[in-house]
């Protein structure tokens, strides 16, 4: 199995562990991994995981340093507050071990590089509010 496939599986697993029972602020009702369909009328809040791109940034023989860019959209009901969205963004980064020591990180196949968050407060008549975290994961692939 490629490191990319292992990384995506591990990325999804880390986010699936977000639970108030484990000390997170957010109680998720679902995590929909890459290419998974969200059911009609899915209970909020839930996460949708997408991979935007995966690119090589450095080569050395058969070892390639790569960066995979994921987007994690957290969808909430229209009644959610900005604090709810900000707490969920924090929970996403915490679940991935952002800023932690390498041996303590739950995401063993890679490490979080750049990240940012965009907030949609549903001002155009939308029934939902959301935060989308853009997260770059660096990893090494051997060919």
Protein backbone atom coordinates (compact mmCIF):
# COMPACT_ATOMS: atom_id res chain seq x y z
CA UNK A 1 0.00 0.00 0.00
CA UNK A 2 1.26 3.48 -0.79
CA UNK A 3 2.03 5.93 1.99
CA UNK A 4 -0.58 8.24 0.42
CA UNK A 5 -3.34 5.64 0.93
CA UNK A 6 -2.14 4.92 4.48
CA UNK A 7 -2.02 8.65 5.22
CA UNK A 8 -5.59 9.24 4.04
CA UNK A 9 -6.90 6.29 6.08
CA UNK A 10 -5.06 7.50 9.18
CA UNK A 11 -6.21 11.12 8.59
CA UNK A 12 -9.84 9.96 8.47
CA UNK A 13 -9.39 7.76 11.56
CA UNK A 14 -7.92 10.61 13.61
CA UNK A 15 -10.89 12.83 12.79
CA UNK A 16 -13.39 10.04 13.52
CA UNK A 17 -12.10 10.02 17.11
CA UNK A 18 -13.37 13.55 17.84
CA UNK A 19 -15.85 13.10 20.68
CA UNK A 20 -16.87 15.03 23.76
CA UNK A 21 -16.26 11.83 25.70
CA UNK A 22 -12.57 12.15 24.77
CA UNK A 23 -12.22 15.78 25.82
CA UNK A 24 -13.14 17.55 22.59
CA UNK A 25 -15.62 20.44 22.47
CA UNK A 26 -17.49 19.08 19.45
CA UNK A 27 -19.95 16.17 19.39
CA UNK A 28 -19.93 14.95 15.78
CA UNK A 29 -22.79 13.00 14.22
CA UNK A 30 -20.69 11.70 11.35
CA UNK A 31 -17.38 11.80 9.54
CA UNK A 32 -17.57 11.31 5.78
CA UNK A 33 -14.20 10.37 4.33
CA UNK A 34 -12.77 11.09 0.91
CA UNK A 35 -15.29 10.16 -1.83
CA UNK A 36 -17.98 9.14 0.71
CA UNK A 37 -21.50 10.50 0.18
CA UNK A 38 -23.26 12.48 2.89
CA UNK A 39 -26.77 11.07 3.37
CA UNK A 40 -29.72 13.36 2.68
CA UNK A 41 -30.74 15.19 5.85
CA UNK A 42 -27.65 14.01 7.76
CA UNK A 43 -27.67 15.15 11.38
CA UNK A 44 -25.30 18.02 12.07
CA UNK A 45 -22.58 18.61 12.97
CA UNK A 46 -20.59 16.37 10.65
CA UNK A 47 -17.27 16.44 8.81
CA UNK A 48 -16.66 16.06 5.08
CA UNK A 49 -13.06 15.19 4.14
CA UNK A 50 -11.67 16.01 0.70
CA UNK A 51 -8.20 15.74 -0.78
CA UNK A 52 -7.41 18.66 -3.07
CA UNK A 53 -3.96 17.69 -4.35
CA UNK A 54 -0.88 15.69 -3.54
CA UNK A 55 2.39 16.95 -4.95
CA UNK A 56 6.07 16.08 -4.84
CA UNK A 57 8.19 18.88 -3.38
CA UNK A 58 11.63 17.25 -3.15
CA UNK A 59 13.26 14.21 -4.75
CA UNK A 60 16.28 12.21 -3.66
CA UNK A 61 16.64 8.96 -5.58
CA UNK A 62 13.59 6.84 -4.90
CA UNK A 63 12.61 8.94 -1.85
CA UNK A 64 10.14 11.73 -2.50
CA UNK A 65 8.95 14.32 0.01
CA UNK A 66 5.30 15.06 -0.73
CA UNK A 67 2.59 17.42 0.49
CA UNK A 68 -1.05 16.29 0.50
CA UNK A 69 -3.58 19.11 0.79
CA UNK A 70 -6.81 18.13 2.53
CA UNK A 71 -9.96 20.12 3.17
CA UNK A 72 -12.11 19.26 6.14
CA UNK A 73 -15.52 20.91 6.11
CA UNK A 74 -17.44 20.91 9.39
CA UNK A 75 -21.14 21.44 8.71
CA UNK A 76 -23.38 22.77 11.50
CA UNK A 77 -27.01 23.81 11.77
CA UNK A 78 -27.87 27.44 11.17
CA UNK A 79 -28.15 27.96 14.94
CA UNK A 80 -24.44 27.24 15.53
CA UNK A 81 -22.35 30.10 16.83
CA UNK A 82 -18.98 31.30 15.60
CA UNK A 83 -17.52 29.84 18.81
CA UNK A 84 -18.95 26.41 17.87
CA UNK A 85 -17.18 26.60 14.50
CA UNK A 86 -13.93 27.86 16.04
CA UNK A 87 -13.98 25.10 18.66
CA UNK A 88 -14.48 22.49 15.93
CA UNK A 89 -11.53 23.89 13.96
CA UNK A 90 -9.43 23.59 17.11
CA UNK A 91 -10.68 20.00 17.64
CA UNK A 92 -9.71 19.05 14.07
CA UNK A 93 -6.14 20.29 14.58
CA UNK A 94 -5.94 18.69 18.03
CA UNK A 95 -7.11 15.32 16.63
CA UNK A 96 -4.32 15.46 14.04
CA UNK A 97 -1.70 16.26 16.69
CA UNK A 98 -0.98 19.77 15.41
CA UNK A 99 2.03 21.21 17.19
CA UNK A 100 2.71 18.02 19.14
CA UNK A 101 6.02 16.21 19.43
CA UNK A 102 6.60 13.64 16.70
CA UNK A 103 6.40 10.62 19.01
CA UNK A 104 3.12 11.92 20.51
CA UNK A 105 1.34 12.67 17.23
CA UNK A 106 -1.59 10.39 16.36
CA UNK A 107 -0.99 10.94 12.63
CA UNK A 108 2.05 8.67 12.26
CA UNK A 109 2.39 8.70 8.45
CA UNK A 110 2.87 12.47 8.18
CA UNK A 111 2.82 15.77 9.97
CA UNK A 112 0.72 18.91 9.67
CA UNK A 113 2.41 21.72 7.78
CA UNK A 114 0.40 24.77 6.78
CA UNK A 115 -3.23 25.15 7.80
CA UNK A 116 -5.96 27.75 7.58
CA UNK A 117 -9.70 28.02 8.21
CA UNK A 118 -12.51 29.70 6.32
CA UNK A 119 -15.86 30.40 7.97
CA UNK A 120 -19.28 30.48 6.28
CA UNK A 121 -21.96 31.80 8.63
CA UNK A 122 -24.80 30.96 6.24
CA UNK A 123 -25.80 34.52 5.47
CA UNK A 124 -27.24 33.80 1.98
CA UNK A 125 -30.30 31.86 3.13
CA UNK A 126 -28.34 28.66 3.67
CA UNK A 127 -29.65 26.14 6.17
CA UNK A 128 -26.13 25.46 7.45
CA UNK A 129 -23.04 27.15 8.78
CA UNK A 130 -19.59 25.71 8.24
CA UNK A 131 -15.89 25.99 8.81
CA UNK A 132 -13.50 24.58 6.22
CA UNK A 133 -10.01 23.74 7.42
CA UNK A 134 -7.36 23.55 4.71
CA UNK A 135 -4.57 21.34 6.00
CA UNK A 136 -1.27 20.42 4.34
CA UNK A 137 0.21 17.12 5.46
CA UNK A 138 3.86 16.44 4.69
CA UNK A 139 5.03 12.87 4.26
CA UNK A 140 7.71 10.73 2.63
CA UNK A 141 6.97 8.19 -0.11
CA UNK A 142 9.48 5.59 -1.28
CA UNK A 143 9.16 4.22 -4.80
